[in-house]
Every structure is written in structure tokens, then in C-alpha cells.
Amino acid sequence: MEDNTDDDMDDNTAADMDDEEVEFVLETISTGDPFADVKTAADHVEGSAKTLAGGFAAALDLDGDTESEASELRTSLATGLQEHVYLAGIAVKNAYAEGLDSSEFEAAAGTLDTNSVQLADGIGELAGDDNRDAFLSLWRDHISFFVDYAVATAENGEQGQADAIRDLDGYTESAGGFFENISAGELPADAVADSLRGHIATLGGAIDSLDAAIN
């Protein structure tokens, strides 16, 4: 691959390690918690993407800087938010398969909350500790509303589903106001709320599909 990118790629990769070294690394980073370990693995490949992007950008003489503050911010937000969706899906699946009181759901939900804290820490770096805490509270609320929706869906409770959707829609309004405030109006509340409604519609649809597949 380096021949195709004018040697701009970093040579220091896992490919240079022999089998014994690779086995040693894999053994040392395993915690025994499969949900936490999957998240660790996902976090790691962000660094691989950074290496590849930098190499290809240099080789192809692309405009822009892959390590600019704006690029790093977009990458961090995109990675964290996509991870949230996948971890939420895993947690919901375990709730269906094992129950809300199961150790499997507890572990999956714990890893999902780790992601929530990381997202909040990122907001805190941009807007201060008070806003970090406010975001985390809002974010955790919206996750609990999704759990409410999943429970109601599993029980065929139309009223429960409607209540959860109402709560989620209220969250979009609160989050919109929050982001408008901390960005001095650069993030209009309505635009943020609209984007979050898309998140609710798509993740809610995924829960519906999971319910149909299992039940």
C-alpha cells in the first residue's frame, strides 16, 4: 500500500509485529467484559483511520488538513455518536434476549453509559464543565426514553410507545435550546431538534425491527 501513497503511510503498524507479539497484545488488552472490549476495539480503529486519511490526503494532494481542529472535532463527534447508536442497539437486544434485570443488559448499558460520559467530556472541552454536566443529564434522559419505548414495544403497549415518543420529542426541544445557547446562536435550536428527530425515527425503527424479528 505504501507504494501507492508515495511512502506517506506510517510504517509502524501491527503488520510489523510477529504472531507472538500480536497474541501478547491481544491478551493484555482483554478485560473479560465483552462489551467494554468491543468498545475498546472500536476506539482503537479511529487511530487507524487517522493514519490512513493522513497518508491518502498527502499522496493525493487533497485540500485541507486531516489533523486540523475542525477535522478532529467532526471525527470525534461522528465516532462518538455512531458508537452511541450501535451500543444502544446492543443494549436493547440484550434487554430483549436476557431481560432488563440481567447481567448481560447491565454490562451493555454500562458500556453505553461510558460512551455517554465520553461525549459529555467532549462537550465540556468545548463549553465548560457546567455544560458538560447539563449535556450528560439530557443525554442520559433520552437513552432512558428509548428504553421506555423498547419496553413498551416488547409488551405491545401502544400508550407506552406514545408516551416514550412524546418524551423523546420533548428531549429534542430541550437539546436544541441547549446547543443554541452554548454556541451563541450558531446552532439554531430548530435545526438541532430536526436532526435529533431523525435520530429518534431511525433508532426507533431499529427497535421496531428488532421486536418484529424476536417476537
N, C-alpha and C. Protein backbone atom coordinates (compact mmCIF):
# COMPACT_ATOMS: atom_id res chain seq x y z
N MET A 1 0.83 -1.20 0.00
CA MET A 1 0.00 0.00 0.00
C MET A 1 0.86 1.25 0.00
N GLU A 2 2.02 1.20 0.65
CA GLU A 2 2.86 2.37 0.71
C GLU A 2 3.34 2.81 -0.67
N ASP A 3 3.54 1.85 -1.59
CA ASP A 3 3.95 2.22 -2.93
C ASP A 3 2.90 3.06 -3.63
N ASN A 4 1.64 2.87 -3.28
CA ASN A 4 0.55 3.61 -3.91
C ASN A 4 0.33 4.97 -3.27
N THR A 5 1.02 5.26 -2.17
CA THR A 5 0.80 6.53 -1.49
C THR A 5 2.11 7.28 -1.28
N ASP A 6 3.09 7.01 -2.11
CA ASP A 6 4.35 7.75 -2.08
C ASP A 6 5.01 7.73 -0.71
N ASP A 7 4.87 6.60 -0.01
CA ASP A 7 5.51 6.40 1.29
C ASP A 7 5.01 7.37 2.36
N ASP A 8 3.80 7.91 2.17
CA ASP A 8 3.26 8.81 3.18
C ASP A 8 2.61 8.06 4.33
N MET A 9 2.34 6.77 4.15
CA MET A 9 1.76 5.98 5.22
C MET A 9 2.82 5.69 6.29
N ASP A 10 2.37 5.53 7.53
CA ASP A 10 3.25 5.23 8.64
C ASP A 10 3.61 3.75 8.62
N ASP A 11 4.90 3.43 8.73
CA ASP A 11 5.34 2.03 8.71
C ASP A 11 5.05 1.32 10.03
N ASN A 12 4.84 2.08 11.08
CA ASN A 12 4.71 1.49 12.41
C ASN A 12 3.30 0.95 12.61
N THR A 13 3.01 -0.19 12.05
CA THR A 13 1.68 -0.79 12.13
C THR A 13 1.77 -2.17 12.75
N ALA A 14 0.58 -2.71 13.07
CA ALA A 14 0.52 -4.05 13.66
C ALA A 14 1.03 -5.10 12.69
N ALA A 15 1.06 -4.78 11.40
CA ALA A 15 1.52 -5.74 10.41
C ALA A 15 2.99 -6.08 10.62
N ASP A 16 3.74 -5.17 11.29
CA ASP A 16 5.15 -5.41 11.51
C ASP A 16 5.40 -6.34 12.70
N MET A 17 4.38 -6.69 13.44
CA MET A 17 4.55 -7.50 14.63
C MET A 17 4.45 -8.97 14.29
N ASP A 18 5.27 -9.79 14.93
CA ASP A 18 5.16 -11.22 14.67
C ASP A 18 3.99 -11.80 15.46
N ASP A 19 3.68 -13.07 15.19
CA ASP A 19 2.49 -13.68 15.79
C ASP A 19 2.55 -13.65 17.31
N GLU A 20 3.73 -13.88 17.87
CA GLU A 20 3.84 -13.91 19.32
C GLU A 20 3.51 -12.54 19.92
N GLU A 21 4.00 -11.46 19.27
CA GLU A 21 3.72 -10.11 19.76
C GLU A 21 2.24 -9.79 19.68
N VAL A 22 1.60 -10.16 18.57
CA VAL A 22 0.18 -9.89 18.39
C VAL A 22 -0.63 -10.60 19.45
N GLU A 23 -0.30 -11.87 19.71
CA GLU A 23 -1.02 -12.64 20.72
C GLU A 23 -0.86 -11.99 22.09
N PHE A 24 0.35 -11.51 22.38
CA PHE A 24 0.60 -10.89 23.68
C PHE A 24 -0.25 -9.63 23.85
N VAL A 25 -0.31 -8.79 22.81
CA VAL A 25 -1.10 -7.57 22.89
C VAL A 25 -2.57 -7.89 23.09
N LEU A 26 -3.08 -8.84 22.33
CA LEU A 26 -4.49 -9.19 22.45
C LEU A 26 -4.81 -9.70 23.85
N GLU A 27 -3.92 -10.45 24.42
CA GLU A 27 -4.16 -10.97 25.76
C GLU A 27 -4.14 -9.86 26.80
N THR A 28 -3.26 -8.89 26.62
CA THR A 28 -3.12 -7.87 27.65
C THR A 28 -4.23 -6.83 27.62
N ILE A 29 -4.92 -6.65 26.48
CA ILE A 29 -5.98 -5.64 26.44
C ILE A 29 -7.36 -6.23 26.69
N SER A 30 -7.46 -7.52 26.85
CA SER A 30 -8.75 -8.14 27.15
C SER A 30 -9.08 -7.97 28.62
N THR A 31 -10.28 -7.46 28.91
CA THR A 31 -10.69 -7.23 30.30
C THR A 31 -11.62 -8.31 30.82
N GLY A 32 -12.14 -9.14 29.92
CA GLY A 32 -13.13 -10.12 30.32
C GLY A 32 -14.55 -9.62 30.19
N ASP A 33 -14.71 -8.32 29.92
CA ASP A 33 -16.03 -7.73 29.68
C ASP A 33 -16.18 -7.55 28.17
N PRO A 34 -16.96 -8.39 27.50
CA PRO A 34 -17.02 -8.34 26.04
C PRO A 34 -17.54 -7.01 25.50
N PHE A 35 -18.44 -6.36 26.21
CA PHE A 35 -18.99 -5.09 25.73
C PHE A 35 -17.94 -3.99 25.82
N ALA A 36 -17.24 -3.93 26.94
CA ALA A 36 -16.18 -2.95 27.09
C ALA A 36 -15.05 -3.20 26.10
N ASP A 37 -14.73 -4.48 25.86
CA ASP A 37 -13.64 -4.81 24.95
C ASP A 37 -13.99 -4.47 23.50
N VAL A 38 -15.24 -4.67 23.12
CA VAL A 38 -15.65 -4.27 21.77
C VAL A 38 -15.52 -2.76 21.60
N LYS A 39 -15.90 -2.01 22.63
CA LYS A 39 -15.77 -0.56 22.56
C LYS A 39 -14.31 -0.15 22.44
N THR A 40 -13.45 -0.80 23.22
CA THR A 40 -12.02 -0.51 23.14
C THR A 40 -11.50 -0.76 21.73
N ALA A 41 -11.93 -1.87 21.13
CA ALA A 41 -11.51 -2.19 19.77
C ALA A 41 -12.00 -1.14 18.79
N ALA A 42 -13.24 -0.68 18.97
CA ALA A 42 -13.80 0.34 18.09
C ALA A 42 -13.05 1.66 18.26
N ASP A 43 -12.74 2.02 19.50
CA ASP A 43 -11.98 3.25 19.75
C ASP A 43 -10.62 3.19 19.07
N HIS A 44 -10.01 2.02 19.07
CA HIS A 44 -8.67 1.88 18.50
C HIS A 44 -8.64 2.17 17.01
N VAL A 45 -9.64 1.73 16.27
CA VAL A 45 -9.57 1.88 14.82
C VAL A 45 -9.75 3.32 14.37
N GLU A 46 -10.17 4.21 15.28
CA GLU A 46 -10.18 5.63 14.93
C GLU A 46 -8.76 6.10 14.62
N GLY A 47 -7.79 5.57 15.38
CA GLY A 47 -6.40 5.90 15.11
C GLY A 47 -5.94 5.36 13.77
N SER A 48 -6.42 4.17 13.40
CA SER A 48 -6.09 3.62 12.09
C SER A 48 -6.65 4.50 10.98
N ALA A 49 -7.88 4.98 11.18
CA ALA A 49 -8.49 5.86 10.18
C ALA A 49 -7.70 7.15 10.04
N LYS A 50 -7.22 7.68 11.15
CA LYS A 50 -6.43 8.91 11.12
C LYS A 50 -5.14 8.70 10.33
N THR A 51 -4.49 7.56 10.54
CA THR A 51 -3.27 7.25 9.81
C THR A 51 -3.54 7.12 8.32
N LEU A 52 -4.58 6.38 7.96
CA LEU A 52 -4.92 6.20 6.55
C LEU A 52 -5.32 7.51 5.89
N ALA A 53 -6.14 8.30 6.57
CA ALA A 53 -6.58 9.57 5.99
C ALA A 53 -5.41 10.50 5.75
N GLY A 54 -4.50 10.58 6.71
CA GLY A 54 -3.34 11.44 6.54
C GLY A 54 -2.47 11.01 5.37
N GLY A 55 -2.28 9.70 5.24
CA GLY A 55 -1.46 9.19 4.16
C GLY A 55 -2.07 9.43 2.80
N PHE A 56 -3.36 9.12 2.65
CA PHE A 56 -4.02 9.32 1.37
C PHE A 56 -4.15 10.80 1.02
N ALA A 57 -4.41 11.64 2.02
CA ALA A 57 -4.52 13.08 1.75
C ALA A 57 -3.21 13.63 1.21
N ALA A 58 -2.09 13.17 1.79
CA ALA A 58 -0.79 13.62 1.32
C ALA A 58 -0.47 13.05 -0.05
N ALA A 59 -0.76 11.77 -0.24
CA ALA A 59 -0.44 11.11 -1.51
C ALA A 59 -1.24 11.69 -2.67
N LEU A 60 -2.49 12.04 -2.41
CA LEU A 60 -3.38 12.55 -3.46
C LEU A 60 -3.44 14.07 -3.49
N ASP A 61 -2.65 14.72 -2.63
CA ASP A 61 -2.59 16.18 -2.57
C ASP A 61 -3.98 16.79 -2.38
N LEU A 62 -4.72 16.24 -1.43
CA LEU A 62 -6.07 16.73 -1.16
C LEU A 62 -6.03 18.04 -0.38
N ASP A 63 -7.00 18.89 -0.63
CA ASP A 63 -7.10 20.15 0.11
C ASP A 63 -7.48 19.88 1.56
N GLY A 64 -7.07 20.78 2.43
CA GLY A 64 -7.45 20.66 3.83
C GLY A 64 -6.42 19.93 4.66
N ASP A 65 -6.66 19.91 5.95
CA ASP A 65 -5.75 19.31 6.91
C ASP A 65 -6.52 18.28 7.74
N THR A 66 -6.14 17.02 7.62
CA THR A 66 -6.87 15.96 8.34
C THR A 66 -6.66 16.06 9.85
N GLU A 67 -5.68 16.85 10.29
CA GLU A 67 -5.43 16.99 11.72
C GLU A 67 -5.79 18.38 12.23
N SER A 68 -6.56 19.14 11.45
CA SER A 68 -6.99 20.45 11.92
C SER A 68 -7.98 20.29 13.08
N GLU A 69 -8.19 21.34 13.84
CA GLU A 69 -9.11 21.26 14.97
C GLU A 69 -10.53 20.93 14.49
N ALA A 70 -10.93 21.51 13.37
CA ALA A 70 -12.28 21.24 12.85
C ALA A 70 -12.41 19.79 12.42
N SER A 71 -11.37 19.25 11.75
CA SER A 71 -11.41 17.84 11.33
C SER A 71 -11.45 16.91 12.53
N GLU A 72 -10.64 17.22 13.53
CA GLU A 72 -10.62 16.39 14.73
C GLU A 72 -11.97 16.43 15.45
N LEU A 73 -12.60 17.61 15.48
CA LEU A 73 -13.89 17.74 16.15
C LEU A 73 -14.96 16.93 15.43
N ARG A 74 -15.00 17.05 14.11
CA ARG A 74 -16.01 16.29 13.36
C ARG A 74 -15.79 14.79 13.53
N THR A 75 -14.55 14.36 13.46
CA THR A 75 -14.25 12.93 13.62
C THR A 75 -14.67 12.44 15.00
N SER A 76 -14.35 13.22 16.02
CA SER A 76 -14.68 12.82 17.38
C SER A 76 -16.19 12.72 17.58
N LEU A 77 -16.93 13.71 17.09
CA LEU A 77 -18.38 13.70 17.24
C LEU A 77 -19.02 12.56 16.43
N ALA A 78 -18.57 12.40 15.19
CA ALA A 78 -19.14 11.35 14.34
C ALA A 78 -18.88 9.97 14.94
N THR A 79 -17.66 9.77 15.41
CA THR A 79 -17.31 8.47 16.01
C THR A 79 -18.14 8.20 17.26
N GLY A 80 -18.21 9.18 18.14
CA GLY A 80 -18.94 9.00 19.38
C GLY A 80 -20.43 8.80 19.19
N LEU A 81 -21.01 9.55 18.25
CA LEU A 81 -22.45 9.45 18.02
C LEU A 81 -22.83 8.15 17.32
N GLN A 82 -22.01 7.72 16.35
CA GLN A 82 -22.29 6.43 15.72
C GLN A 82 -22.12 5.30 16.73
N GLU A 83 -21.10 5.40 17.56
CA GLU A 83 -20.88 4.38 18.59
C GLU A 83 -22.09 4.32 19.53
N HIS A 84 -22.64 5.48 19.85
CA HIS A 84 -23.84 5.52 20.70
C HIS A 84 -24.96 4.67 20.10
N VAL A 85 -25.19 4.81 18.81
CA VAL A 85 -26.29 4.08 18.17
C VAL A 85 -26.04 2.58 18.22
N TYR A 86 -24.82 2.16 17.89
CA TYR A 86 -24.53 0.72 17.91
C TYR A 86 -24.61 0.16 19.33
N LEU A 87 -24.06 0.88 20.29
CA LEU A 87 -24.11 0.40 21.67
C LEU A 87 -25.53 0.37 22.20
N ALA A 88 -26.33 1.36 21.82
CA ALA A 88 -27.74 1.35 22.22
C ALA A 88 -28.46 0.14 21.63
N GLY A 89 -28.16 -0.17 20.38
CA GLY A 89 -28.76 -1.34 19.74
C GLY A 89 -28.38 -2.62 20.45
N ILE A 90 -27.11 -2.74 20.84
CA ILE A 90 -26.66 -3.93 21.56
C ILE A 90 -27.37 -4.03 22.91
N ALA A 91 -27.50 -2.90 23.60
CA ALA A 91 -28.16 -2.91 24.90
C ALA A 91 -29.63 -3.33 24.77
N VAL A 92 -30.31 -2.78 23.77
CA VAL A 92 -31.72 -3.13 23.57
C VAL A 92 -31.86 -4.61 23.23
N LYS A 93 -30.97 -5.11 22.37
CA LYS A 93 -31.03 -6.52 22.00
C LYS A 93 -30.86 -7.40 23.24
N ASN A 94 -29.94 -7.03 24.13
CA ASN A 94 -29.74 -7.81 25.34
C ASN A 94 -30.92 -7.68 26.30
N ALA A 95 -31.57 -6.53 26.29
CA ALA A 95 -32.77 -6.38 27.11
C ALA A 95 -33.86 -7.33 26.63
N TYR A 96 -34.00 -7.45 25.32
CA TYR A 96 -34.99 -8.37 24.75
C TYR A 96 -34.62 -9.82 25.04
N ALA A 97 -33.36 -10.15 24.82
CA ALA A 97 -32.94 -11.55 24.91
C ALA A 97 -32.80 -12.04 26.35
N GLU A 98 -32.30 -11.16 27.23
CA GLU A 98 -31.96 -11.61 28.59
C GLU A 98 -32.78 -10.94 29.68
N GLY A 99 -33.43 -9.82 29.37
CA GLY A 99 -34.22 -9.11 30.37
C GLY A 99 -33.50 -7.91 30.94
N LEU A 100 -34.29 -6.93 31.39
CA LEU A 100 -33.71 -5.70 31.93
C LEU A 100 -32.94 -5.93 33.22
N ASP A 101 -33.23 -7.00 33.93
CA ASP A 101 -32.56 -7.28 35.19
C ASP A 101 -31.34 -8.19 35.03
N SER A 102 -31.01 -8.53 33.79
CA SER A 102 -29.91 -9.47 33.55
C SER A 102 -28.55 -8.80 33.65
N SER A 103 -27.54 -9.60 33.93
CA SER A 103 -26.17 -9.09 33.97
C SER A 103 -25.71 -8.67 32.58
N GLU A 104 -26.24 -9.36 31.56
CA GLU A 104 -25.87 -9.01 30.17
C GLU A 104 -26.34 -7.61 29.82
N PHE A 105 -27.59 -7.30 30.18
CA PHE A 105 -28.09 -5.95 29.90
C PHE A 105 -27.34 -4.92 30.73
N GLU A 106 -27.07 -5.24 31.97
CA GLU A 106 -26.35 -4.30 32.84
C GLU A 106 -24.97 -3.97 32.26
N ALA A 107 -24.27 -5.00 31.76
CA ALA A 107 -22.95 -4.77 31.18
C ALA A 107 -23.04 -3.94 29.91
N ALA A 108 -24.01 -4.25 29.05
CA ALA A 108 -24.17 -3.50 27.81
C ALA A 108 -24.55 -2.05 28.10
N ALA A 109 -25.45 -1.85 29.06
CA ALA A 109 -25.87 -0.50 29.42
C ALA A 109 -24.72 0.28 30.05
N GLY A 110 -23.87 -0.40 30.79
CA GLY A 110 -22.70 0.26 31.38
C GLY A 110 -21.74 0.77 30.32
N THR A 111 -21.52 -0.03 29.28
CA THR A 111 -20.65 0.39 28.19
C THR A 111 -21.28 1.54 27.42
N LEU A 112 -22.59 1.49 27.23
CA LEU A 112 -23.30 2.60 26.59
C LEU A 112 -23.12 3.88 27.40
N ASP A 113 -23.17 3.77 28.72
CA ASP A 113 -23.01 4.97 29.55
C ASP A 113 -21.58 5.49 29.50
N THR A 114 -20.61 4.60 29.33
CA THR A 114 -19.23 5.06 29.15
C THR A 114 -19.12 5.95 27.93
N ASN A 115 -19.80 5.54 26.86
CA ASN A 115 -19.85 6.36 25.65
C ASN A 115 -20.51 7.71 25.94
N SER A 116 -21.59 7.70 26.72
CA SER A 116 -22.28 8.95 27.07
C SER A 116 -21.35 9.90 27.81
N VAL A 117 -20.59 9.37 28.75
CA VAL A 117 -19.65 10.19 29.51
C VAL A 117 -18.57 10.76 28.59
N GLN A 118 -18.09 9.96 27.65
CA GLN A 118 -17.09 10.45 26.71
C GLN A 118 -17.63 11.58 25.85
N LEU A 119 -18.87 11.43 25.37
CA LEU A 119 -19.49 12.51 24.61
C LEU A 119 -19.61 13.76 25.46
N ALA A 120 -20.04 13.60 26.70
CA ALA A 120 -20.19 14.74 27.60
C ALA A 120 -18.84 15.41 27.87
N ASP A 121 -17.80 14.61 28.03
CA ASP A 121 -16.47 15.17 28.25
C ASP A 121 -16.04 16.02 27.05
N GLY A 122 -16.39 15.56 25.85
CA GLY A 122 -16.08 16.34 24.65
C GLY A 122 -16.82 17.66 24.64
N ILE A 123 -18.09 17.65 25.03
CA ILE A 123 -18.86 18.89 25.12
C ILE A 123 -18.24 19.81 26.18
N GLY A 124 -17.79 19.22 27.28
CA GLY A 124 -17.16 20.00 28.33
C GLY A 124 -15.91 20.70 27.87
N GLU A 125 -15.13 20.05 27.02
CA GLU A 125 -13.92 20.67 26.49
C GLU A 125 -14.26 21.89 25.63
N LEU A 126 -15.42 21.85 25.00
CA LEU A 126 -15.84 22.94 24.13
C LEU A 126 -16.57 24.04 24.88
N ALA A 127 -17.33 23.66 25.92
CA ALA A 127 -18.26 24.62 26.52
C ALA A 127 -18.22 24.68 28.05
N GLY A 128 -17.28 24.00 28.68
CA GLY A 128 -17.15 24.11 30.12
C GLY A 128 -17.83 22.99 30.89
N ASP A 129 -17.43 22.85 32.16
CA ASP A 129 -17.89 21.73 32.98
C ASP A 129 -19.39 21.77 33.25
N ASP A 130 -19.94 22.95 33.48
CA ASP A 130 -21.38 23.03 33.77
C ASP A 130 -22.19 22.53 32.58
N ASN A 131 -21.78 22.92 31.38
CA ASN A 131 -22.49 22.46 30.18
C ASN A 131 -22.24 20.99 29.92
N ARG A 132 -21.07 20.51 30.31
CA ARG A 132 -20.80 19.07 30.22
C ARG A 132 -21.82 18.29 31.04
N ASP A 133 -22.03 18.73 32.28
CA ASP A 133 -22.96 18.02 33.16
C ASP A 133 -24.40 18.14 32.66
N ALA A 134 -24.75 19.32 32.14
CA ALA A 134 -26.10 19.51 31.62
C ALA A 134 -26.35 18.61 30.41
N PHE A 135 -25.35 18.52 29.53
CA PHE A 135 -25.49 17.63 28.37
C PHE A 135 -25.65 16.19 28.80
N LEU A 136 -24.82 15.75 29.75
CA LEU A 136 -24.86 14.35 30.19
C LEU A 136 -26.23 14.00 30.77
N SER A 137 -26.81 14.92 31.52
CA SER A 137 -28.14 14.68 32.08
C SER A 137 -29.18 14.55 30.97
N LEU A 138 -29.14 15.45 30.00
CA LEU A 138 -30.06 15.38 28.86
C LEU A 138 -29.88 14.09 28.08
N TRP A 139 -28.63 13.73 27.83
CA TRP A 139 -28.32 12.56 27.01
C TRP A 139 -28.77 11.27 27.69
N ARG A 140 -28.52 11.19 28.99
CA ARG A 140 -28.97 10.01 29.72
C ARG A 140 -30.49 9.92 29.75
N ASP A 141 -31.14 11.07 29.84
CA ASP A 141 -32.61 11.07 29.81
C ASP A 141 -33.12 10.48 28.50
N HIS A 142 -32.51 10.88 27.39
CA HIS A 142 -33.03 10.41 26.10
C HIS A 142 -32.79 8.91 25.93
N ILE A 143 -31.70 8.40 26.51
CA ILE A 143 -31.47 6.95 26.48
C ILE A 143 -32.55 6.22 27.27
N SER A 144 -32.90 6.76 28.43
CA SER A 144 -33.94 6.12 29.23
C SER A 144 -35.29 6.15 28.51
N PHE A 145 -35.53 7.19 27.72
CA PHE A 145 -36.78 7.25 26.95
C PHE A 145 -36.79 6.17 25.87
N PHE A 146 -35.62 5.91 25.27
CA PHE A 146 -35.53 4.82 24.29
C PHE A 146 -35.78 3.47 24.96
N VAL A 147 -35.27 3.30 26.17
CA VAL A 147 -35.54 2.06 26.90
C VAL A 147 -37.04 1.93 27.16
N ASP A 148 -37.67 3.03 27.54
CA ASP A 148 -39.13 3.02 27.74
C ASP A 148 -39.85 2.59 26.46
N TYR A 149 -39.37 3.11 25.33
CA TYR A 149 -40.00 2.77 24.06
C TYR A 149 -39.82 1.29 23.75
N ALA A 150 -38.61 0.78 24.00
CA ALA A 150 -38.34 -0.63 23.72
C ALA A 150 -39.20 -1.54 24.60
N VAL A 151 -39.33 -1.19 25.88
CA VAL A 151 -40.15 -1.99 26.80
C VAL A 151 -41.60 -1.99 26.34
N ALA A 152 -42.11 -0.80 25.99
CA ALA A 152 -43.50 -0.70 25.55
C ALA A 152 -43.72 -1.48 24.26
N THR A 153 -42.74 -1.43 23.36
CA THR A 153 -42.85 -2.16 22.10
C THR A 153 -42.89 -3.66 22.35
N ALA A 154 -42.03 -4.14 23.25
CA ALA A 154 -41.99 -5.57 23.57
C ALA A 154 -43.31 -6.04 24.17
N GLU A 155 -43.97 -5.14 24.88
CA GLU A 155 -45.24 -5.50 25.55
C GLU A 155 -46.46 -5.14 24.72
N ASN A 156 -46.21 -4.68 23.48
CA ASN A 156 -47.31 -4.23 22.60
C ASN A 156 -48.15 -3.13 23.27
N GLY A 157 -47.47 -2.28 24.01
CA GLY A 157 -48.15 -1.20 24.71
C GLY A 157 -48.15 0.09 23.90
N GLU A 158 -49.22 0.32 23.17
CA GLU A 158 -49.28 1.49 22.30
C GLU A 158 -49.21 2.80 23.09
N GLN A 159 -49.85 2.84 24.25
CA GLN A 159 -49.81 4.06 25.05
C GLN A 159 -48.39 4.32 25.56
N GLY A 160 -47.72 3.25 25.98
CA GLY A 160 -46.34 3.39 26.43
C GLY A 160 -45.43 3.88 25.32
N GLN A 161 -45.64 3.37 24.12
CA GLN A 161 -44.86 3.84 22.97
C GLN A 161 -45.11 5.32 22.73
N ALA A 162 -46.38 5.71 22.76
CA ALA A 162 -46.73 7.11 22.52
C ALA A 162 -46.12 8.02 23.58
N ASP A 163 -46.14 7.57 24.83
CA ASP A 163 -45.55 8.36 25.91
C ASP A 163 -44.04 8.53 25.71
N ALA A 164 -43.38 7.44 25.31
CA ALA A 164 -41.94 7.49 25.10
C ALA A 164 -41.59 8.42 23.94
N ILE A 165 -42.36 8.35 22.86
CA ILE A 165 -42.12 9.23 21.72
C ILE A 165 -42.34 10.69 22.12
N ARG A 166 -43.37 10.93 22.93
CA ARG A 166 -43.61 12.29 23.42
C ARG A 166 -42.41 12.79 24.23
N ASP A 167 -41.89 11.93 25.10
CA ASP A 167 -40.73 12.31 25.91
C ASP A 167 -39.51 12.56 25.03
N LEU A 168 -39.32 11.72 24.02
CA LEU A 168 -38.19 11.89 23.12
C LEU A 168 -38.31 13.18 22.31
N ASP A 169 -39.52 13.51 21.90
CA ASP A 169 -39.71 14.76 21.17
C ASP A 169 -39.43 15.95 22.07
N GLY A 170 -39.84 15.84 23.33
CA GLY A 170 -39.51 16.90 24.28
C GLY A 170 -38.01 17.05 24.47
N TYR A 171 -37.32 15.91 24.43
CA TYR A 171 -35.86 15.95 24.52
C TYR A 171 -35.25 16.73 23.36
N THR A 172 -35.77 16.53 22.15
CA THR A 172 -35.21 17.24 21.00
C THR A 172 -35.32 18.75 21.18
N GLU A 173 -36.42 19.21 21.77
CA GLU A 173 -36.60 20.64 22.00
C GLU A 173 -35.60 21.14 23.05
N SER A 174 -35.45 20.37 24.13
CA SER A 174 -34.52 20.76 25.19
C SER A 174 -33.09 20.78 24.67
N ALA A 175 -32.73 19.74 23.91
CA ALA A 175 -31.37 19.67 23.37
C ALA A 175 -31.12 20.79 22.38
N GLY A 176 -32.13 21.11 21.56
CA GLY A 176 -31.98 22.21 20.62
C GLY A 176 -31.69 23.51 21.32
N GLY A 177 -32.44 23.80 22.38
CA GLY A 177 -32.19 25.02 23.15
C GLY A 177 -30.83 25.02 23.80
N PHE A 178 -30.41 23.85 24.29
CA PHE A 178 -29.10 23.73 24.93
C PHE A 178 -27.98 24.07 23.96
N PHE A 179 -28.01 23.46 22.77
CA PHE A 179 -26.94 23.69 21.81
C PHE A 179 -26.97 25.11 21.23
N GLU A 180 -28.15 25.68 21.08
CA GLU A 180 -28.22 27.07 20.63
C GLU A 180 -27.57 27.98 21.66
N ASN A 181 -27.82 27.70 22.93
CA ASN A 181 -27.28 28.53 24.00
C ASN A 181 -25.76 28.44 24.08
N ILE A 182 -25.22 27.22 24.04
CA ILE A 182 -23.77 27.10 24.24
C ILE A 182 -22.98 27.50 23.00
N SER A 183 -23.65 27.62 21.85
CA SER A 183 -22.96 28.02 20.62
C SER A 183 -23.22 29.48 20.26
N ALA A 184 -23.80 30.22 21.20
CA ALA A 184 -24.12 31.64 20.97
C ALA A 184 -24.96 31.82 19.71
N GLY A 185 -25.87 30.89 19.48
CA GLY A 185 -26.79 31.01 18.36
C GLY A 185 -26.30 30.43 17.05
N GLU A 186 -25.06 29.93 17.01
CA GLU A 186 -24.53 29.35 15.77
C GLU A 186 -25.20 28.02 15.44
N LEU A 187 -25.74 27.36 16.45
CA LEU A 187 -26.51 26.13 16.25
C LEU A 187 -27.97 26.44 16.55
N PRO A 188 -28.78 26.78 15.54
CA PRO A 188 -30.18 27.11 15.79
C PRO A 188 -30.93 25.95 16.43
N ALA A 189 -31.74 26.25 17.42
CA ALA A 189 -32.46 25.20 18.16
C ALA A 189 -33.30 24.33 17.24
N ASP A 190 -33.98 24.95 16.28
CA ASP A 190 -34.86 24.19 15.39
C ASP A 190 -34.06 23.21 14.53
N ALA A 191 -32.89 23.64 14.06
CA ALA A 191 -32.07 22.77 13.21
C ALA A 191 -31.56 21.57 14.01
N VAL A 192 -31.13 21.82 15.24
CA VAL A 192 -30.66 20.73 16.09
C VAL A 192 -31.80 19.76 16.39
N ALA A 193 -32.96 20.31 16.74
CA ALA A 193 -34.11 19.46 17.06
C ALA A 193 -34.50 18.60 15.87
N ASP A 194 -34.48 19.18 14.67
CA ASP A 194 -34.83 18.41 13.46
C ASP A 194 -33.86 17.26 13.24
N SER A 195 -32.56 17.52 13.43
CA SER A 195 -31.58 16.46 13.22
C SER A 195 -31.76 15.35 14.24
N LEU A 196 -32.11 15.70 15.47
CA LEU A 196 -32.31 14.70 16.51
C LEU A 196 -33.59 13.90 16.29
N ARG A 197 -34.58 14.52 15.67
CA ARG A 197 -35.79 13.76 15.33
C ARG A 197 -35.47 12.65 14.34
N GLY A 198 -34.53 12.90 13.45
CA GLY A 198 -34.08 11.84 12.55
C GLY A 198 -33.44 10.70 13.31
N HIS A 199 -32.67 11.03 14.35
CA HIS A 199 -32.06 10.01 15.21
C HIS A 199 -33.14 9.17 15.88
N ILE A 200 -34.16 9.83 16.38
CA ILE A 200 -35.25 9.12 17.06
C ILE A 200 -36.01 8.22 16.10
N ALA A 201 -36.29 8.75 14.90
CA ALA A 201 -37.05 7.97 13.92
C ALA A 201 -36.29 6.73 13.49
N THR A 202 -34.98 6.86 13.27
CA THR A 202 -34.21 5.73 12.76
C THR A 202 -33.90 4.71 13.85
N LEU A 203 -33.53 5.17 15.04
CA LEU A 203 -33.26 4.21 16.12
C LEU A 203 -34.56 3.57 16.60
N GLY A 204 -35.63 4.36 16.62
CA GLY A 204 -36.93 3.78 16.95
C GLY A 204 -37.34 2.72 15.94
N GLY A 205 -37.05 2.97 14.67
CA GLY A 205 -37.34 1.98 13.64
C GLY A 205 -36.52 0.72 13.81
N ALA A 206 -35.26 0.89 14.25
CA ALA A 206 -34.42 -0.29 14.50
C ALA A 206 -34.99 -1.12 15.65
N ILE A 207 -35.50 -0.45 16.68
CA ILE A 207 -36.13 -1.17 17.79
C ILE A 207 -37.37 -1.92 17.30
N ASP A 208 -38.16 -1.27 16.44
CA ASP A 208 -39.34 -1.94 15.87
C ASP A 208 -38.94 -3.20 15.10
N SER A 209 -37.87 -3.09 14.31
CA SER A 209 -37.42 -4.23 13.52
C SER A 209 -36.91 -5.36 14.41
N LEU A 210 -36.19 -4.98 15.47
CA LEU A 210 -35.69 -5.99 16.41
C LEU A 210 -36.86 -6.71 17.08
N ASP A 211 -37.86 -5.95 17.47
CA ASP A 211 -39.03 -6.55 18.10
C ASP A 211 -39.72 -7.52 17.16
N ALA A 212 -39.85 -7.12 15.89
CA ALA A 212 -40.51 -7.99 14.91
C ALA A 212 -39.71 -9.27 14.69
N ALA A 213 -38.38 -9.16 14.72
CA ALA A 213 -37.54 -10.33 14.49
C ALA A 213 -37.57 -11.30 15.67
N ILE A 214 -37.66 -10.76 16.88
CA ILE A 214 -37.61 -11.60 18.07
C ILE A 214 -38.98 -12.09 18.49
N ASN A 215 -39.96 -11.20 18.41
CA ASN A 215 -41.30 -11.55 18.86
C ASN A 215 -42.20 -11.98 17.70
